[in-house]
Each structure stands twice: as C-alpha cells, then as structure tokens.
Amino acid sequence: MKFAVYVPDNLEGPAPVLYILGGMSSSEQTFIQKSGFQRWAAHYGIIVVSPDVCPRVTFGVEKNEIEAKGLSFYVNAVKKPWNRNYQMYSYVNEELPSIIQENFNVNKDRQSIMGHSMGGHGALISALKNPGKFRSVSALAPVCNPSKTPDIQFILKCYFGDDTKTMEEWDATCLVADYKGPELNILIHQGNNDKYAEQLKLENFISACEKAGIEISVNIEEGYDHGFYFISSFMEQHFHHHSKFLCGS
C-alpha cells in the first residue's frame, strides 16, 4: 500500500491529523493533485493523510473492473480471492494510523476522517463502526446505502457472497440505526447535478439519521456535479468543519 502525507510547515508540537479517502479510479495522489486542500491544511495546522484506494494486486492474467477502478469500498472482504488483500477497513482504521503515529508527529487523540464518493462511504462507516475514534467526519457526494444499490451490490457480492446481512454491516445507512456513541459531527455536500445521485442514495441516509436522532449538516449545491471542480470548491468548508473539533478554532 502507498499513502501520501502532507505536513504543513512550522508545526509546533503534535498536530491533529485528517484522513482523506478517495473515490473509484483514484490513487493516493488524487487528492494531493486535484483538491487544493493544502492551503487549508496549512491554515489550520492539520496533517493530512491520503491512502491509495485499494491494494494494487491482480487476480488472474488481467485486471477486472473491480481491480482496475479500485472498487474496494473500504470494507474487509471475506470471499476468496479478495479476502487475502482487500482488507481496506482494517488498513484505514488500524494499520495506517499506527504507521502514521510511529513516523509523524501527530496527536493520536485528535483525528478526523473525510472522503469522496466511495471514500465518503469509507469515512462514514469508519466513524459509525468506531464510536469516538474520529472527532468529526465529512463526505463529498458519498455512497450512502450500497446494499440497496444494484450496481454496487454486484461488487459487494464479490466480497461477501449473497449474504445481505453482512452487506448491511458495511452500509452507513444501516449502521446509523444501531449507533451508540458520542456525537458524530457529520458534514455532507452533494451537487444537484450529480449524475450518480440515484446510486449515492443520500436521502436514505438522511432519513435514517432523522429516525436515529443523529444530527447531520447536509448541503445540496446548485449546479455542481460529482467531480473535482465540485470537491475543490468546498474544501474550505470541510476543513473549517474539521478544525472546530481538531483545533478548537
């Protein structure tokens, strides 16, 4: 696995850390190159860690769609051959933070997580499955209810078989109902011209949060789609959101 780390200049003492999870067809370099987050990470004094979206392994002679597009969905696969390497949930929540804490001057008690699309899904399930681990969570056009999305069900079946119960254990909308922990501090942005809106199913997540009494801030932005012009346009808001919980600013 590769990951990218941005360390602002002139940090004093252990710094807060924000993990950013990319979407399909991304790598550890995508957010570094396209989102423009560095200005705001430097402004608030936040170390940013952006892992690759999947293990770069090939099963068979040629990469299939799952491998080629990096469709890990940040879960721990249980079916062969995926279970050997596709343990992205454990990587993001256990292995990677341990590596970062050992090698960078971070405050392990001040960490947050965010992501885009598939990475937004990864950020949401990481926060929901680890109450109190992350001080805040945010997502840009996140996949919210993958177990109820036919195109994504195909991918999840590769990892879990036909067991819908297991799929739901990796679904943010399903996890919300059983969440017991401190306030999640969730911020979400989505464009109203997002061509993947039907697959994202944000409305299902909003409804589940309302039923569970979990507060979220949702912003539907006029004229924006699913891409990096959209993402870069709202980096400031997301870093400001996280700074309130990471930096006390």
Protein backbone atom coordinates (compact mmCIF):
# COMPACT_ATOMS: atom_id res chain seq x y z
CA MET A 1 0.00 0.00 0.00
CA LYS A 2 1.04 3.55 -0.76
CA PHE A 3 -0.13 6.67 1.03
CA ALA A 4 0.55 10.39 0.72
CA VAL A 5 1.17 12.68 3.69
CA TYR A 6 1.03 16.48 3.73
CA VAL A 7 2.79 18.12 6.68
CA PRO A 8 2.34 21.90 6.96
CA ASP A 9 5.43 23.97 7.70
CA ASN A 10 6.16 25.36 11.17
CA LEU A 11 4.03 22.98 13.19
CA GLU A 12 4.55 23.26 16.93
CA GLY A 13 4.18 20.02 18.85
CA PRO A 14 1.99 17.05 17.90
CA ALA A 15 -0.51 18.09 15.21
CA PRO A 16 -4.06 16.90 14.53
CA VAL A 17 -4.47 14.55 11.59
CA LEU A 18 -7.17 14.25 8.93
CA TYR A 19 -7.52 11.08 6.85
CA ILE A 20 -8.93 11.64 3.35
CA LEU A 21 -10.32 8.66 1.42
CA GLY A 22 -10.53 8.80 -2.37
CA GLY A 23 -13.22 7.50 -4.71
CA MET A 24 -13.14 4.99 -7.53
CA SER A 25 -10.28 5.22 -10.04
CA SER A 26 -8.29 7.37 -7.60
CA SER A 27 -4.90 6.81 -6.01
CA GLU A 28 -3.00 8.26 -3.07
CA GLN A 29 -2.04 11.18 -5.33
CA THR A 30 -5.52 12.21 -6.50
CA PHE A 31 -6.48 14.50 -3.60
CA ILE A 32 -2.93 15.84 -3.45
CA GLN A 33 -3.11 16.95 -7.08
CA LYS A 34 -6.74 17.94 -7.63
CA SER A 35 -8.48 19.12 -4.48
CA GLY A 36 -6.45 22.15 -3.41
CA PHE A 37 -6.65 21.17 0.25
CA GLN A 38 -3.06 22.23 1.07
CA ARG A 39 -3.99 25.87 1.60
CA TRP A 40 -6.50 24.97 4.28
CA ALA A 41 -4.41 22.25 5.91
CA ALA A 42 -1.61 24.79 6.28
CA HIS A 43 -4.01 27.46 7.55
CA TYR A 44 -5.31 25.25 10.35
CA GLY A 45 -2.11 23.29 11.01
CA ILE A 46 -3.55 19.87 10.16
CA ILE A 47 -1.51 16.93 8.88
CA VAL A 48 -3.34 15.19 6.02
CA VAL A 49 -3.02 11.51 5.15
CA SER A 50 -4.43 10.18 1.87
CA PRO A 51 -4.10 6.43 1.29
CA ASP A 52 -4.44 4.63 -2.01
CA VAL A 53 -7.98 3.35 -2.51
CA CYS A 54 -7.12 -0.35 -2.81
CA PRO A 55 -4.31 -2.88 -2.75
CA ARG A 56 -2.58 -2.93 -6.13
CA VAL A 57 -2.77 -6.67 -6.75
CA THR A 58 -4.01 -8.58 -9.79
CA PHE A 59 -6.03 -11.78 -9.62
CA GLY A 60 -5.60 -13.62 -12.90
CA VAL A 61 -3.97 -12.51 -16.12
CA GLU A 62 -5.67 -9.13 -16.43
CA LYS A 63 -7.24 -6.71 -14.02
CA ASN A 64 -11.03 -6.87 -13.89
CA GLU A 65 -13.24 -3.84 -13.30
CA ILE A 66 -13.03 -4.06 -9.52
CA GLU A 67 -9.24 -4.03 -9.56
CA ALA A 68 -8.89 -1.54 -12.40
CA LYS A 69 -11.17 1.04 -10.80
CA GLY A 70 -10.07 0.40 -7.22
CA LEU A 71 -13.55 -0.53 -6.02
CA SER A 72 -12.54 -1.58 -2.51
CA PHE A 73 -15.40 0.30 -0.81
CA TYR A 74 -13.13 0.30 2.25
CA VAL A 75 -14.52 -2.99 3.57
CA ASN A 76 -12.92 -6.21 4.77
CA ALA A 77 -13.68 -8.86 2.16
CA VAL A 78 -14.44 -12.42 3.31
CA LYS A 79 -14.64 -14.30 -0.01
CA LYS A 80 -11.64 -15.62 -1.92
CA PRO A 81 -9.57 -14.32 -3.61
CA TRP A 82 -10.48 -10.83 -2.38
CA ASN A 83 -10.12 -11.59 1.33
CA ARG A 84 -6.36 -12.05 1.01
CA ASN A 85 -5.62 -8.40 0.22
CA TYR A 86 -8.85 -6.42 0.29
CA GLN A 87 -8.90 -5.56 3.99
CA MET A 88 -9.19 -1.82 3.50
CA TYR A 89 -11.33 -1.15 6.55
CA SER A 90 -8.69 -2.63 8.85
CA TYR A 91 -5.97 -0.84 6.92
CA VAL A 92 -7.60 2.59 7.23
CA ASN A 93 -8.67 2.22 10.85
CA GLU A 94 -5.83 0.20 12.37
CA GLU A 95 -2.70 -0.35 10.28
CA LEU A 96 -2.35 3.07 8.64
CA PRO A 97 -2.96 5.15 11.81
CA SER A 98 -0.37 3.02 13.60
CA ILE A 99 2.18 3.73 10.84
CA ILE A 100 1.40 7.45 10.91
CA GLN A 101 1.67 7.68 14.70
CA GLU A 102 5.04 5.92 14.66
CA ASN A 103 6.56 8.07 11.92
CA PHE A 104 4.94 11.52 12.12
CA ASN A 105 4.42 14.00 14.94
CA VAL A 106 0.64 13.62 15.20
CA ASN A 107 -1.72 13.90 18.13
CA LYS A 108 -3.40 10.49 18.14
CA ASP A 109 -6.28 11.87 20.22
CA ARG A 110 -7.14 14.46 17.58
CA GLN A 111 -8.01 12.72 14.35
CA SER A 112 -10.86 13.05 11.86
CA ILE A 113 -11.84 11.48 8.57
CA MET A 114 -13.43 12.54 5.28
CA GLY A 115 -13.86 11.19 1.77
CA HIS A 116 -15.40 11.49 -1.66
CA SER A 117 -17.96 9.12 -3.24
CA MET A 118 -16.73 5.60 -2.40
CA GLY A 119 -14.32 7.28 0.00
CA GLY A 120 -17.21 9.17 1.58
CA HIS A 121 -18.75 5.76 2.24
CA GLY A 122 -15.46 4.65 3.78
CA ALA A 123 -15.35 7.71 6.03
CA LEU A 124 -18.94 7.28 7.21
CA ILE A 125 -18.62 3.59 8.05
CA SER A 126 -15.28 4.17 9.78
CA ALA A 127 -16.87 6.77 12.07
CA LEU A 128 -20.01 4.72 12.67
CA LYS A 129 -18.15 1.48 13.46
CA ASN A 130 -15.64 3.19 15.78
CA PRO A 131 -17.55 5.48 18.16
CA GLY A 132 -15.29 8.21 19.48
CA LYS A 133 -12.29 7.34 17.29
CA PHE A 134 -12.78 10.34 15.00
CA ARG A 135 -13.69 13.76 16.32
CA SER A 136 -15.55 14.64 13.12
CA VAL A 137 -16.47 13.13 9.77
CA SER A 138 -17.35 14.70 6.44
CA ALA A 139 -18.15 13.49 2.95
CA LEU A 140 -18.48 14.87 -0.55
CA ALA A 141 -21.14 13.07 -2.61
CA PRO A 142 -20.83 9.89 -0.52
CA VAL A 143 -22.18 6.46 -1.39
CA CYS A 144 -24.66 6.13 1.47
CA ASN A 145 -26.67 2.93 1.03
CA PRO A 146 -24.64 0.47 -1.09
CA SER A 147 -26.53 -2.65 -0.01
CA LYS A 148 -29.63 -1.22 -1.72
CA THR A 149 -27.87 -0.13 -4.92
CA PRO A 150 -27.87 -2.86 -7.63
CA ASP A 151 -24.67 -1.72 -9.37
CA ILE A 152 -22.79 -1.73 -6.08
CA GLN A 153 -24.43 -4.94 -4.82
CA PHE A 154 -22.59 -6.71 -7.65
CA ILE A 155 -19.28 -5.59 -6.16
CA LEU A 156 -20.26 -6.37 -2.57
CA LYS A 157 -21.29 -9.88 -3.60
CA CYS A 158 -17.73 -10.47 -4.80
CA TYR A 159 -16.57 -9.66 -1.26
CA PHE A 160 -19.40 -11.16 0.81
CA GLY A 161 -21.38 -13.53 -1.39
CA ASP A 162 -25.17 -13.27 -1.32
CA ASP A 163 -25.33 -12.60 2.42
CA THR A 164 -27.34 -9.37 2.57
CA LYS A 165 -26.99 -9.25 6.37
CA THR A 166 -23.21 -8.99 6.03
CA MET A 167 -23.56 -6.32 3.34
CA GLU A 168 -25.69 -4.25 5.72
CA GLU A 169 -22.92 -4.40 8.33
CA TRP A 170 -20.84 -2.33 5.89
CA ASP A 171 -23.60 0.11 4.92
CA ALA A 172 -23.70 3.57 6.53
CA THR A 173 -27.48 3.89 6.28
CA CYS A 174 -27.95 0.55 8.05
CA LEU A 175 -25.27 1.25 10.67
CA VAL A 176 -26.86 4.52 11.76
CA ALA A 177 -29.82 2.72 13.33
CA ASP A 178 -27.57 0.92 15.84
CA TYR A 179 -25.05 3.69 16.50
CA LYS A 180 -24.33 4.27 20.17
CA GLY A 181 -21.58 6.72 20.89
CA PRO A 182 -20.66 10.40 21.11
CA GLU A 183 -21.93 12.98 18.64
CA LEU A 184 -20.62 12.24 15.15
CA ASN A 185 -20.29 15.82 13.82
CA ILE A 186 -21.17 14.94 10.20
CA LEU A 187 -20.93 17.36 7.26
CA ILE A 188 -22.04 16.37 3.74
CA HIS A 189 -22.00 18.23 0.41
CA GLN A 190 -23.55 16.98 -2.82
CA GLY A 191 -24.18 18.71 -6.14
CA ASN A 192 -27.71 18.83 -7.52
CA ASN A 193 -26.33 17.91 -10.98
CA ASP A 194 -24.61 14.76 -9.73
CA LYS A 195 -25.32 12.07 -12.33
CA TYR A 196 -24.71 9.38 -9.72
CA ALA A 197 -27.31 10.70 -7.25
CA GLU A 198 -29.53 7.63 -7.64
CA GLN A 199 -26.61 5.37 -6.72
CA LEU A 200 -25.49 7.54 -3.81
CA LYS A 201 -28.90 7.42 -2.07
CA LEU A 202 -28.19 10.36 0.23
CA GLU A 203 -31.89 10.72 1.02
CA ASN A 204 -31.89 7.25 2.62
CA PHE A 205 -29.03 8.22 4.90
CA ILE A 206 -30.72 11.48 5.89
CA SER A 207 -33.92 9.60 6.74
CA ALA A 208 -32.04 7.01 8.80
CA CYS A 209 -30.24 9.75 10.74
CA GLU A 210 -33.53 11.51 11.48
CA LYS A 211 -35.05 8.28 12.81
CA ALA A 212 -31.99 7.62 14.96
CA GLY A 213 -31.84 11.19 16.27
CA ILE A 214 -28.39 11.81 14.75
CA GLU A 215 -27.75 15.36 13.59
CA ILE A 216 -26.05 15.95 10.25
CA SER A 217 -25.39 19.04 8.17
CA VAL A 218 -26.33 18.39 4.51
CA ASN A 219 -25.71 20.90 1.73
CA ILE A 220 -27.10 20.40 -1.80
CA GLU A 221 -25.17 22.74 -4.06
CA GLU A 222 -26.72 24.27 -7.17
CA GLY A 223 -25.07 23.41 -10.48
CA TYR A 224 -22.34 21.08 -9.19
CA ASP A 225 -21.65 17.54 -10.38
CA HIS A 226 -19.60 14.65 -8.95
CA GLY A 227 -16.09 15.70 -9.98
CA PHE A 228 -13.08 17.52 -8.59
CA TYR A 229 -14.25 21.03 -9.52
CA PHE A 230 -17.07 20.31 -7.08
CA ILE A 231 -14.68 18.87 -4.49
CA SER A 232 -12.18 21.73 -4.67
CA SER A 233 -14.98 24.29 -4.41
CA PHE A 234 -15.92 23.10 -0.91
CA MET A 235 -12.55 22.18 0.62
CA GLU A 236 -12.60 25.32 2.73
CA GLN A 237 -15.93 24.41 4.33
CA HIS A 238 -14.80 20.89 5.11
CA PHE A 239 -11.51 21.95 6.67
CA HIS A 240 -13.30 24.62 8.68
CA HIS A 241 -15.72 21.94 9.90
CA HIS A 242 -12.92 19.63 11.00
CA SER A 243 -10.86 22.43 12.54
CA LYS A 244 -13.65 23.13 15.02
CA PHE A 245 -13.14 19.67 16.51
CA LEU A 246 -9.44 19.10 15.82
CA CYS A 247 -8.03 22.52 16.64
CA GLY A 248 -10.64 24.16 18.86
CA SER A 249 -10.72 27.07 16.38
